[in-house]
Amino acid sequence: MSISHWPLLAVAAAAAFAVLAEDPFGEDCRSKTYPPAGPTFKGMVTTYIINLDLPPSRRWDKLLSDKKIELKTVIQSIKNIANAFVPSGKAVEIVDTKLVRLISTLPYPFNEELKGIANASGIPLGEIVLFNIFYEIFTVCTSIVAEDKSGKLYHARNLDFGLFLGWDIKNSSWIITQELKPLVVTLDFQRNNKTVFKSTNFAGYVGMVSGIKPGIFTLTMNERFSLDGGYIGE
């Protein structure tokens, strides 16, 4: 199976695991949920400094030291879904033996950062590459820009909480959604001990799914499926 077949595999796996699932969209819409509070609130998202003065392969060491178990859990769930759809294990074998070859085609410093994440986490490099090109395999996410009555602007993104991969009947939730939540972090990218930009992101992902350069601009990454989108974005 070639790498180009991965989008079809992901879609097929999602469909296979959703066939007998109960309605995941039955929950009523809620309002006034920000700022978060109540029994389900687990505290503020942890902030990590990413030192851009360090070599790319060392920038993520502290974060991955803290989050490697959670990252392994997400990747293992993705592998479990793939193995359930392709019981021979060939799908995972492709990730570990062939997807890793993409690292040589990725631009600097991202290629070196991915190698550093693999080393710090103990996760095979091919699986780290898969986690980082997930948007080209399974196309998702939505953002909004809104203005309140006082003229204050809000730029928000849903962080993909609703990926249809692996339905947990017991907890009535998508498995990948449950396991992405512990990976959410705030990243403060600094150079010369000064903030260059910040991001709300998933540990182990070197791209920028949502970010802000304080006082200048904000950005979010959203995508819809394209057959020729490529693996470094559209």
Foldseek 3Di string as FASTA:
>chain_A
DDPLCLLVLQVVLLCVQCVPADDLPPDDDDPPCPPPDDDVDDDDFAEDEQEPVDQLLCRQLVVLLVCLVLVVVLLVLVQVSSCVVVVVSVVVVCLQPPQLVCLVVDDPPVSSNLNSSCVNNVPRSSSLLCVQLVCQNQAFWDWDWDADPVGDIDIDIDQPQQPSHHQDRVVSGRPSNVSQVVQWHKYFYDYPNDGQKIATDGRSHPDGQWIGRPPPDIDHDHGDHDSPQDRVGD
